[in-house]
Amino acid sequence: MTVFKTILKILNKLKGMVILYTAILVAITALNQTSGNNMTNFEDSKPSVLIVNKDSEDNIAKGFEDYISKHSEIKDIDTKDEEKINDAIFYRDVNYVIYIPKDFGKNLLDGKNPSLEYKSCGDEYSSYAQMMVEKYIKTVLIYKDYYSGVELISKVNKVVDKDTKVYENFSVKTSAITEHAGYEEISEENDGYDTEEQTEDIADTAGNSQADDDTPLSGENAGTQTGSADTAAQEVQGMSSQAVRNITILINGQPVRLTGKKDYILVDLFQYYEFDLSKPKGNVVLKLNGQEGIYTAPLHDGDVVDLYWEQ
């Protein structure tokens, strides 16, 4: 009994300190419970793009500009004032600037490999814009021999819109891309279509072009039409037989097999390797064969890729 009385006397003497520490403990507990209920939301975002179109009268250039506008935020900046454009890139008001030269659409259809000039701030949004540009041009080059005019634009837009996605907010460490020299080496991408579906579409077009002609064909003209259809069919058959190849690359020391395409670029690895970009843990470091990787860099059999978060 004496011991308890002594303890009560001590507590009574130090009751101010006891009340203070108890209040602090309760406050900390309440704060932790409140912060634990917060959830981090990742909102979809689009790259900010400025288009300087000097070929605005051409259908290909118009379709290209419409596609980029649909999947990005177009900035309203005086395209004749280069200083304002440079300032917008420096302050990251614009992620990507595309300069479409005169006769771009005509030269693209003629196979002259027209060049586009770019300005980029080098962040993840500009890399995504670069991917959209190359995707559209590659698709045009695939279908230009089988469609024309409005039909070509409609087909290309249908293909590129089938699986275009807007990236979520996360940080990626990449190199700035300032200029693209042309499109001499073009790889075929399925873009949501199987090779067999593309082959059927092209073959149907080749067949319909002859069936829709009501004028009877005879002699030399008939032979020419048949030869053209046969040639198109042979080209389609060659495309289907050479369209797909498989490669194996090393990602973080782990062999990963890429299948279903004729050519591959670095960004394709995310389709075959599990790496959750929706839950950022810092900056994404992406290296190809020991060098800093660019999303559009081509992949070859045996390439070594390092992919990890950097705090």
Protein backbone atom coordinates (compact mmCIF):
# COMPACT_ATOMS: atom_id res chain seq x y z
CA MET A 1 0.00 0.00 0.00
CA THR A 2 2.86 2.31 0.75
CA VAL A 3 4.29 1.69 -2.71
CA PHE A 4 1.04 2.71 -4.45
CA LYS A 5 0.76 5.87 -2.38
CA THR A 6 4.31 6.77 -3.35
CA ILE A 7 3.57 6.22 -7.03
CA LEU A 8 0.43 8.36 -6.85
CA LYS A 9 2.38 11.15 -5.16
CA ILE A 10 5.02 11.04 -7.94
CA LEU A 11 2.34 11.06 -10.67
CA ASN A 12 0.52 13.92 -8.99
CA LYS A 13 3.75 15.88 -8.84
CA LEU A 14 4.48 15.21 -12.54
CA LYS A 15 0.90 15.35 -13.79
CA GLY A 16 1.69 18.26 -16.10
CA MET A 17 4.33 16.25 -17.99
CA VAL A 18 2.04 13.19 -18.11
CA ILE A 19 -0.82 15.22 -19.62
CA LEU A 20 1.56 16.84 -22.17
CA TYR A 21 3.01 13.55 -23.43
CA THR A 22 -0.42 11.95 -23.56
CA ALA A 23 -1.73 14.82 -25.70
CA ILE A 24 1.26 14.53 -28.05
CA LEU A 25 0.70 10.77 -28.42
CA VAL A 26 -2.99 11.26 -29.22
CA ALA A 27 -2.19 13.97 -31.79
CA ILE A 28 0.40 11.82 -33.56
CA THR A 29 -2.00 8.86 -33.65
CA ALA A 30 -4.79 11.01 -35.13
CA LEU A 31 -2.42 12.47 -37.73
CA ASN A 32 -1.25 9.04 -38.86
CA GLN A 33 -4.81 7.81 -39.25
CA THR A 34 -5.77 10.86 -41.30
CA SER A 35 -2.77 10.60 -43.65
CA GLY A 36 -3.32 6.86 -44.06
CA ASN A 37 -6.68 7.48 -45.71
CA ASN A 38 -5.17 9.59 -48.52
CA MET A 39 -4.83 7.95 -51.93
CA THR A 40 -2.49 9.01 -54.73
CA ASN A 41 -4.32 9.33 -58.02
CA PHE A 42 -2.57 9.31 -61.39
CA GLU A 43 -4.40 11.29 -64.03
CA ASP A 44 -4.03 10.78 -67.75
CA SER A 45 -2.15 13.60 -69.45
CA LYS A 46 -1.26 14.55 -73.01
CA PRO A 47 1.93 16.05 -74.44
CA SER A 48 1.89 19.75 -75.33
CA VAL A 49 2.66 20.04 -79.04
CA LEU A 50 3.12 22.90 -81.47
CA ILE A 51 2.74 22.14 -85.20
CA VAL A 52 4.27 24.38 -87.87
CA ASN A 53 2.58 23.10 -91.04
CA LYS A 54 3.88 24.48 -94.34
CA ASP A 55 1.97 21.84 -96.32
CA SER A 56 -1.52 22.52 -94.97
CA GLU A 57 -3.24 22.05 -98.34
CA ASP A 58 -2.16 18.40 -98.68
CA ASN A 59 -4.50 15.66 -97.42
CA ILE A 60 -1.68 13.58 -95.91
CA ALA A 61 -0.33 16.56 -93.98
CA LYS A 62 -3.85 17.50 -92.87
CA GLY A 63 -4.54 13.97 -91.67
CA PHE A 64 -1.21 13.88 -89.86
CA GLU A 65 -1.93 17.19 -88.12
CA ASP A 66 -5.45 16.05 -87.16
CA TYR A 67 -4.09 12.84 -85.65
CA ILE A 68 -1.46 14.65 -83.56
CA SER A 69 -4.05 17.24 -82.47
CA LYS A 70 -6.45 14.51 -81.35
CA HIS A 71 -3.90 12.85 -79.06
CA SER A 72 -2.08 15.89 -77.70
CA GLU A 73 -2.66 19.41 -76.42
CA ILE A 74 -2.02 21.87 -79.23
CA LYS A 75 -0.48 25.14 -78.07
CA ASP A 76 -1.43 28.50 -79.58
CA ILE A 77 1.92 30.18 -80.19
CA ASP A 78 2.97 32.43 -83.07
CA THR A 79 4.69 29.95 -85.38
CA LYS A 80 6.55 32.77 -87.15
CA ASP A 81 8.33 33.86 -83.96
CA GLU A 82 11.14 31.35 -83.40
CA GLU A 83 12.25 33.08 -80.22
CA LYS A 84 8.84 32.54 -78.61
CA ILE A 85 8.95 28.88 -79.66
CA ASN A 86 12.38 28.41 -78.08
CA ASP A 87 11.21 30.12 -74.87
CA ALA A 88 8.14 27.86 -74.72
CA ILE A 89 10.34 24.77 -74.98
CA PHE A 90 12.81 26.09 -72.41
CA TYR A 91 10.07 26.77 -69.85
CA ARG A 92 8.33 23.51 -70.82
CA ASP A 93 5.14 25.22 -71.94
CA VAL A 94 5.59 23.08 -75.05
CA ASN A 95 7.04 19.56 -74.98
CA TYR A 96 7.43 19.06 -78.71
CA VAL A 97 7.48 21.17 -81.88
CA ILE A 98 6.92 19.58 -85.31
CA TYR A 99 7.93 21.37 -88.51
CA ILE A 100 6.08 19.96 -91.55
CA PRO A 101 7.86 21.13 -94.73
CA LYS A 102 6.21 22.08 -97.99
CA ASP A 103 5.27 19.12 -100.25
CA PHE A 104 5.74 16.75 -97.32
CA GLY A 105 2.65 14.67 -98.16
CA LYS A 106 3.45 14.43 -101.89
CA ASN A 107 7.08 13.46 -101.26
CA LEU A 108 6.02 10.87 -98.68
CA LEU A 109 3.68 9.17 -101.17
CA ASP A 110 6.37 9.35 -103.88
CA GLY A 111 8.84 7.53 -101.64
CA LYS A 112 11.29 10.43 -101.43
CA ASN A 113 11.79 10.07 -97.65
CA PRO A 114 10.97 13.68 -96.67
CA SER A 115 12.57 14.88 -93.46
CA LEU A 116 10.80 16.45 -90.49
CA GLU A 117 12.52 18.82 -88.11
CA TYR A 118 11.67 18.56 -84.43
CA LYS A 119 12.36 20.54 -81.31
CA SER A 120 12.04 18.74 -78.01
CA CYS A 121 12.44 19.45 -74.30
CA GLY A 122 13.58 15.86 -73.79
CA ASP A 123 11.00 14.69 -71.26
CA GLU A 124 8.67 11.67 -71.32
CA TYR A 125 5.91 13.62 -73.08
CA SER A 126 8.16 14.57 -76.00
CA SER A 127 9.21 10.92 -76.32
CA TYR A 128 5.54 9.95 -76.56
CA ALA A 129 4.94 12.64 -79.21
CA GLN A 130 7.92 11.28 -81.16
CA MET A 131 6.37 7.81 -81.06
CA MET A 132 3.06 9.15 -82.43
CA VAL A 133 4.83 10.90 -85.31
CA GLU A 134 6.79 7.83 -86.36
CA LYS A 135 3.79 5.55 -85.95
CA TYR A 136 1.65 7.66 -88.30
CA ILE A 137 4.32 7.95 -91.00
CA LYS A 138 5.14 4.24 -90.88
CA THR A 139 1.45 3.41 -91.28
CA VAL A 140 1.15 5.72 -94.31
CA LEU A 141 4.16 4.04 -95.94
CA ILE A 142 2.59 0.60 -95.40
CA TYR A 143 -0.79 1.43 -96.99
CA LYS A 144 0.13 4.04 -99.63
CA ASP A 145 0.60 1.41 -102.35
CA TYR A 146 -2.89 -0.01 -101.83
CA TYR A 147 -5.04 3.03 -101.00
CA SER A 148 -5.12 6.63 -102.19
CA GLY A 149 -6.73 9.96 -101.43
CA VAL A 150 -9.43 10.11 -98.78
CA GLU A 151 -9.53 6.32 -98.59
CA LEU A 152 -5.86 6.22 -97.58
CA ILE A 153 -6.35 8.85 -94.86
CA SER A 154 -9.39 7.00 -93.52
CA LYS A 155 -7.54 3.67 -93.41
CA VAL A 156 -4.45 5.14 -91.75
CA ASN A 157 -6.51 6.96 -89.11
CA LYS A 158 -8.45 3.79 -88.38
CA VAL A 159 -5.24 1.82 -87.81
CA VAL A 160 -3.34 4.37 -85.71
CA ASP A 161 -6.38 5.20 -83.57
CA LYS A 162 -7.07 1.55 -82.77
CA ASP A 163 -4.56 1.31 -79.91
CA THR A 164 -3.21 4.80 -79.29
CA LYS A 165 -2.90 5.37 -75.53
CA VAL A 166 -2.21 8.44 -73.42
CA TYR A 167 0.61 7.85 -70.98
CA GLU A 168 0.06 8.48 -67.28
CA ASN A 169 2.11 10.94 -65.23
CA PHE A 170 5.54 9.48 -64.53
CA SER A 171 9.15 10.56 -65.02
CA VAL A 172 11.39 9.01 -67.65
CA LYS A 173 15.05 9.85 -68.20
CA THR A 174 15.69 10.05 -71.95
CA SER A 175 17.86 12.03 -74.36
CA ALA A 176 16.44 15.07 -76.14
CA ILE A 177 15.53 14.43 -79.76
CA THR A 178 16.04 17.53 -81.84
CA GLU A 179 15.90 16.37 -85.44
CA HIS A 180 14.82 13.33 -87.38
CA ALA A 181 16.72 12.84 -90.62
CA GLY A 182 14.06 10.86 -92.49
CA TYR A 183 12.35 7.54 -92.72
CA GLU A 184 14.54 5.44 -94.96
CA GLU A 185 14.38 2.39 -92.74
CA ILE A 186 10.70 1.79 -92.02
CA SER A 187 9.53 -1.16 -89.96
CA GLU A 188 6.03 -2.54 -90.29
CA GLU A 189 3.91 -2.41 -87.13
CA ASN A 190 0.67 -4.35 -86.80
CA ASP A 191 -0.90 -1.60 -84.64
CA GLY A 192 -3.68 -3.78 -83.32
CA TYR A 193 -4.23 -5.67 -86.59
CA ASP A 194 -2.99 -9.18 -87.21
CA THR A 195 -0.88 -9.65 -90.32
CA GLU A 196 -3.61 -11.84 -91.78
CA GLU A 197 -6.17 -9.02 -91.34
CA GLN A 198 -3.90 -6.51 -93.10
CA THR A 199 -3.30 -9.02 -95.91
CA GLU A 200 -7.04 -9.58 -96.34
CA ASP A 201 -7.73 -5.82 -96.41
CA ILE A 202 -5.08 -5.22 -99.09
CA ALA A 203 -6.13 -8.24 -101.13
CA ASP A 204 -9.79 -7.13 -101.03
CA THR A 205 -8.78 -3.68 -102.27
CA ALA A 206 -6.80 -5.17 -105.16
CA GLY A 207 -9.76 -7.36 -106.12
CA ASN A 208 -12.39 -4.62 -105.78
CA SER A 209 -10.45 -2.21 -107.97
CA GLN A 210 -10.98 -4.61 -110.89
CA ALA A 211 -14.54 -5.66 -110.01
CA ASP A 212 -15.80 -2.08 -109.75
CA ASP A 213 -14.77 -1.24 -113.32
CA ASP A 214 -17.91 -1.74 -115.48
CA THR A 215 -16.03 -1.30 -118.79
CA PRO A 216 -15.40 -4.64 -120.53
CA LEU A 217 -11.71 -5.43 -120.83
CA SER A 218 -10.24 -7.14 -123.82
CA GLY A 219 -6.92 -7.68 -125.50
CA GLU A 220 -3.95 -5.82 -124.14
CA ASN A 221 -5.95 -3.90 -121.50
CA ALA A 222 -7.36 -7.10 -120.01
CA GLY A 223 -3.90 -8.61 -119.76
CA THR A 224 -2.60 -5.50 -118.04
CA GLN A 225 -5.38 -5.51 -115.43
CA THR A 226 -4.89 -9.18 -114.65
CA GLY A 227 -1.14 -8.74 -114.39
CA SER A 228 -1.57 -5.87 -111.92
CA ALA A 229 -3.90 -7.90 -109.72
CA ASP A 230 -1.53 -10.88 -109.82
CA THR A 231 1.39 -8.65 -108.94
CA ALA A 232 -0.51 -7.17 -105.98
CA ALA A 233 -1.43 -10.65 -104.78
CA GLN A 234 2.20 -11.76 -105.00
CA GLU A 235 3.32 -8.70 -103.07
CA VAL A 236 0.71 -9.37 -100.38
CA GLN A 237 1.81 -12.99 -100.12
CA GLY A 238 5.44 -11.86 -99.79
CA MET A 239 4.50 -9.38 -97.08
CA SER A 240 2.66 -12.02 -95.04
CA SER A 241 5.54 -14.51 -95.29
CA GLN A 242 8.17 -11.96 -94.24
CA ALA A 243 6.12 -9.92 -91.78
CA VAL A 244 6.95 -11.72 -88.55
CA ARG A 245 10.26 -12.56 -86.89
CA ASN A 246 11.14 -13.37 -83.29
CA ILE A 247 14.10 -12.08 -81.30
CA THR A 248 15.45 -12.65 -77.79
CA ILE A 249 16.91 -9.84 -75.70
CA LEU A 250 18.25 -9.62 -72.15
CA ILE A 251 16.34 -7.33 -69.77
CA ASN A 252 18.04 -6.92 -66.39
CA GLY A 253 19.88 -10.19 -67.07
CA GLN A 254 16.66 -12.07 -67.87
CA PRO A 255 16.09 -13.43 -71.42
CA VAL A 256 12.84 -12.10 -72.92
CA ARG A 257 11.45 -13.27 -76.27
CA LEU A 258 9.74 -10.71 -78.53
CA THR A 259 7.32 -12.15 -81.07
CA GLY A 260 4.74 -11.11 -83.65
CA LYS A 261 6.47 -8.26 -85.53
CA LYS A 262 8.92 -7.81 -88.38
CA ASP A 263 10.93 -5.13 -86.59
CA TYR A 264 11.06 -3.98 -83.00
CA ILE A 265 11.89 -0.73 -81.24
CA LEU A 266 12.90 -0.21 -77.64
CA VAL A 267 9.45 0.79 -76.37
CA ASP A 268 8.05 -2.58 -77.57
CA LEU A 269 9.70 -4.34 -74.62
CA PHE A 270 6.95 -3.07 -72.28
CA GLN A 271 4.54 -5.41 -74.10
CA TYR A 272 6.63 -8.44 -73.15
CA TYR A 273 8.30 -7.45 -69.85
CA GLU A 274 6.34 -6.62 -66.70
CA PHE A 275 7.29 -3.15 -65.48
CA ASP A 276 4.54 -1.11 -63.82
CA LEU A 277 4.83 2.53 -64.95
CA SER A 278 1.57 3.50 -63.25
CA LYS A 279 3.20 3.38 -59.80
CA PRO A 280 6.31 5.56 -60.12
CA LYS A 281 9.17 5.03 -57.71
CA GLY A 282 11.43 7.79 -59.03
CA ASN A 283 12.83 8.26 -62.55
CA VAL A 284 12.84 5.42 -65.07
CA VAL A 285 16.37 4.62 -66.28
CA LEU A 286 16.41 2.84 -69.64
CA LYS A 287 19.72 1.72 -71.19
CA LEU A 288 20.38 -0.20 -74.40
CA ASN A 289 23.72 -2.03 -74.60
CA GLY A 290 25.13 0.19 -71.87
CA GLN A 291 24.07 3.46 -73.53
CA GLU A 292 21.16 5.70 -72.63
CA GLY A 293 18.17 4.37 -74.54
CA ILE A 294 15.72 6.21 -76.80
CA TYR A 295 12.24 4.75 -77.16
CA THR A 296 12.49 4.60 -80.95
CA ALA A 297 15.88 2.86 -81.05
CA PRO A 298 15.73 -0.44 -83.03
CA LEU A 299 16.07 -3.72 -81.14
CA HIS A 300 18.11 -6.66 -82.41
CA ASP A 301 18.54 -10.24 -81.32
CA GLY A 302 20.88 -10.44 -78.32
CA ASP A 303 20.61 -6.78 -77.25
CA VAL A 304 21.09 -6.05 -73.54
CA VAL A 305 18.59 -3.72 -71.82
CA ASP A 306 18.79 -2.25 -68.30
CA LEU A 307 15.47 -1.00 -66.91
CA TYR A 308 15.00 0.21 -63.35
CA TRP A 309 13.77 3.01 -61.09
CA GLU A 310 16.28 5.60 -59.91
CA GLN A 311 15.49 7.35 -56.64
